[in-house]
Amino acid sequence: MPLSMARPGETVTIRKITGKDEVRQHLAELGFVVDSTVTVISEIAGNLILQVKESRVALDRTLANRVII
């Protein structure tokens, strides 16, 4: 299921990243790589605040839909 379906407080593992090469590269630079864990901090109007490694990152719904958990 896409990352956008995860609930606040949930910790999930990334299984796949879809989309064009540029999108996958951008997400990888933000720390979204296969087999890494991500914690959903909050969701506001479909946009997610995520804890990735030691950083907090905001993703909009379209990018969150590219990350499969």
N, C-alpha and C. Protein backbone atom coordinates (compact mmCIF):
# COMPACT_ATOMS: atom_id res chain seq x y z
N MET A 1 0.84 -1.18 0.00
CA MET A 1 0.00 0.00 0.00
C MET A 1 0.89 1.24 0.00
N PRO A 2 0.38 2.36 -0.50
CA PRO A 2 1.20 3.58 -0.55
C PRO A 2 1.40 4.20 0.84
N LEU A 3 2.47 4.93 0.98
CA LEU A 3 2.81 5.59 2.25
C LEU A 3 1.71 6.54 2.69
N SER A 4 0.98 7.11 1.75
CA SER A 4 -0.08 8.05 2.10
C SER A 4 -1.20 7.40 2.91
N MET A 5 -1.27 6.07 2.93
CA MET A 5 -2.30 5.35 3.68
C MET A 5 -1.89 5.11 5.15
N ALA A 6 -0.63 5.34 5.48
CA ALA A 6 -0.15 5.12 6.85
C ALA A 6 -0.74 6.17 7.79
N ARG A 7 -0.97 5.79 9.02
CA ARG A 7 -1.56 6.66 10.04
C ARG A 7 -0.47 7.32 10.89
N PRO A 8 -0.75 8.49 11.45
CA PRO A 8 0.22 9.15 12.34
C PRO A 8 0.62 8.24 13.50
N GLY A 9 1.91 8.21 13.81
CA GLY A 9 2.43 7.37 14.88
C GLY A 9 2.88 6.01 14.40
N GLU A 10 2.56 5.66 13.18
CA GLU A 10 2.89 4.34 12.64
C GLU A 10 4.31 4.35 12.07
N THR A 11 5.07 3.29 12.34
CA THR A 11 6.39 3.11 11.75
C THR A 11 6.30 2.01 10.71
N VAL A 12 6.74 2.30 9.50
CA VAL A 12 6.60 1.36 8.39
C VAL A 12 7.94 1.16 7.69
N THR A 13 8.04 0.09 6.91
CA THR A 13 9.24 -0.21 6.14
C THR A 13 8.95 -0.01 4.66
N ILE A 14 9.83 0.67 3.98
CA ILE A 14 9.65 0.92 2.54
C ILE A 14 9.96 -0.35 1.77
N ARG A 15 9.04 -0.76 0.91
CA ARG A 15 9.20 -1.97 0.10
C ARG A 15 9.59 -1.66 -1.35
N LYS A 16 9.11 -0.52 -1.88
CA LYS A 16 9.35 -0.19 -3.28
C LYS A 16 9.12 1.30 -3.48
N ILE A 17 9.82 1.87 -4.45
CA ILE A 17 9.59 3.27 -4.83
C ILE A 17 9.31 3.29 -6.33
N THR A 18 8.17 3.86 -6.71
CA THR A 18 7.76 3.87 -8.10
C THR A 18 7.95 5.26 -8.69
N GLY A 19 7.77 5.37 -10.00
CA GLY A 19 7.85 6.66 -10.66
C GLY A 19 9.05 6.75 -11.58
N LYS A 20 9.21 7.91 -12.18
CA LYS A 20 10.33 8.15 -13.09
C LYS A 20 11.64 8.17 -12.32
N ASP A 21 12.73 8.02 -13.06
CA ASP A 21 14.06 8.00 -12.44
C ASP A 21 14.32 9.25 -11.61
N GLU A 22 13.88 10.42 -12.12
CA GLU A 22 14.13 11.66 -11.39
C GLU A 22 13.40 11.67 -10.05
N VAL A 23 12.18 11.15 -10.03
CA VAL A 23 11.39 11.10 -8.79
C VAL A 23 12.04 10.15 -7.80
N ARG A 24 12.44 8.97 -8.26
CA ARG A 24 13.09 7.99 -7.38
C ARG A 24 14.40 8.52 -6.83
N GLN A 25 15.18 9.23 -7.68
CA GLN A 25 16.44 9.81 -7.24
C GLN A 25 16.20 10.88 -6.18
N HIS A 26 15.19 11.73 -6.39
CA HIS A 26 14.87 12.78 -5.42
C HIS A 26 14.48 12.18 -4.08
N LEU A 27 13.64 11.16 -4.10
CA LEU A 27 13.23 10.51 -2.85
C LEU A 27 14.42 9.82 -2.17
N ALA A 28 15.31 9.23 -2.95
CA ALA A 28 16.50 8.59 -2.37
C ALA A 28 17.39 9.63 -1.69
N GLU A 29 17.50 10.81 -2.29
CA GLU A 29 18.31 11.87 -1.69
C GLU A 29 17.71 12.36 -0.37
N LEU A 30 16.39 12.23 -0.23
CA LEU A 30 15.72 12.61 1.02
C LEU A 30 15.81 11.50 2.07
N GLY A 31 16.29 10.31 1.68
CA GLY A 31 16.44 9.21 2.62
C GLY A 31 15.42 8.10 2.44
N PHE A 32 14.59 8.19 1.42
CA PHE A 32 13.58 7.15 1.18
C PHE A 32 14.18 6.08 0.29
N VAL A 33 14.75 5.05 0.91
CA VAL A 33 15.34 3.94 0.18
C VAL A 33 14.69 2.64 0.63
N VAL A 34 14.71 1.64 -0.24
CA VAL A 34 14.08 0.35 0.05
C VAL A 34 14.68 -0.26 1.31
N ASP A 35 13.82 -0.85 2.14
CA ASP A 35 14.17 -1.52 3.41
C ASP A 35 14.50 -0.57 4.55
N SER A 36 14.35 0.74 4.35
CA SER A 36 14.53 1.66 5.47
C SER A 36 13.18 1.87 6.16
N THR A 37 13.23 2.31 7.41
CA THR A 37 12.00 2.55 8.16
C THR A 37 11.69 4.03 8.21
N VAL A 38 10.39 4.32 8.21
CA VAL A 38 9.90 5.70 8.23
C VAL A 38 8.78 5.76 9.26
N THR A 39 8.77 6.81 10.06
CA THR A 39 7.70 7.02 11.04
C THR A 39 6.86 8.22 10.61
N VAL A 40 5.54 8.02 10.58
CA VAL A 40 4.63 9.11 10.25
C VAL A 40 4.42 9.95 11.50
N ILE A 41 4.80 11.22 11.45
CA ILE A 41 4.65 12.12 12.59
C ILE A 41 3.25 12.72 12.59
N SER A 42 2.84 13.29 11.45
CA SER A 42 1.50 13.87 11.35
C SER A 42 1.06 13.94 9.91
N GLU A 43 -0.25 14.19 9.74
CA GLU A 43 -0.83 14.34 8.41
C GLU A 43 -1.74 15.56 8.43
N ILE A 44 -1.53 16.46 7.48
CA ILE A 44 -2.36 17.66 7.38
C ILE A 44 -2.80 17.79 5.93
N ALA A 45 -4.09 17.67 5.68
CA ALA A 45 -4.67 17.81 4.34
C ALA A 45 -4.00 16.90 3.32
N GLY A 46 -3.65 15.69 3.74
CA GLY A 46 -3.03 14.73 2.83
C GLY A 46 -1.53 14.82 2.75
N ASN A 47 -0.95 15.89 3.28
CA ASN A 47 0.51 16.03 3.30
C ASN A 47 1.05 15.39 4.56
N LEU A 48 2.19 14.70 4.44
CA LEU A 48 2.74 13.95 5.56
C LEU A 48 4.02 14.58 6.08
N ILE A 49 4.17 14.57 7.41
CA ILE A 49 5.43 14.90 8.06
C ILE A 49 5.99 13.56 8.52
N LEU A 50 7.21 13.25 8.07
CA LEU A 50 7.79 11.93 8.30
C LEU A 50 9.14 12.04 8.99
N GLN A 51 9.42 11.07 9.85
CA GLN A 51 10.75 10.95 10.46
C GLN A 51 11.52 9.92 9.64
N VAL A 52 12.58 10.38 8.97
CA VAL A 52 13.43 9.51 8.16
C VAL A 52 14.83 9.60 8.73
N LYS A 53 15.32 8.50 9.25
CA LYS A 53 16.62 8.47 9.92
C LYS A 53 16.61 9.53 11.02
N GLU A 54 17.45 10.55 10.93
CA GLU A 54 17.51 11.58 11.97
C GLU A 54 16.83 12.87 11.57
N SER A 55 16.09 12.86 10.47
CA SER A 55 15.50 14.10 9.94
C SER A 55 13.99 13.99 9.83
N ARG A 56 13.34 15.14 9.84
CA ARG A 56 11.91 15.20 9.55
C ARG A 56 11.75 15.78 8.15
N VAL A 57 10.90 15.13 7.37
CA VAL A 57 10.70 15.50 5.97
C VAL A 57 9.21 15.63 5.71
N ALA A 58 8.83 16.64 4.93
CA ALA A 58 7.42 16.79 4.52
C ALA A 58 7.28 16.31 3.08
N LEU A 59 6.24 15.49 2.86
CA LEU A 59 5.94 15.02 1.50
C LEU A 59 4.49 15.32 1.18
N ASP A 60 4.23 15.74 -0.05
CA ASP A 60 2.84 15.91 -0.44
C ASP A 60 2.26 14.55 -0.84
N ARG A 61 0.96 14.51 -1.05
CA ARG A 61 0.28 13.24 -1.30
C ARG A 61 0.80 12.55 -2.56
N THR A 62 1.11 13.30 -3.61
CA THR A 62 1.54 12.66 -4.85
C THR A 62 2.88 11.94 -4.67
N LEU A 63 3.82 12.54 -3.94
CA LEU A 63 5.09 11.86 -3.69
C LEU A 63 4.90 10.70 -2.72
N ALA A 64 4.06 10.87 -1.71
CA ALA A 64 3.81 9.80 -0.75
C ALA A 64 3.19 8.59 -1.44
N ASN A 65 2.39 8.81 -2.49
CA ASN A 65 1.80 7.70 -3.23
C ASN A 65 2.84 6.91 -4.02
N ARG A 66 4.00 7.48 -4.27
CA ARG A 66 5.06 6.79 -5.00
C ARG A 66 5.85 5.82 -4.12
N VAL A 67 5.74 5.99 -2.80
CA VAL A 67 6.47 5.15 -1.85
C VAL A 67 5.53 4.03 -1.38
N ILE A 68 5.91 2.79 -1.70
CA ILE A 68 5.09 1.62 -1.35
C ILE A 68 5.64 0.99 -0.08
N ILE A 69 4.73 0.75 0.88
CA ILE A 69 5.15 0.16 2.17
C ILE A 69 4.56 -1.24 2.32
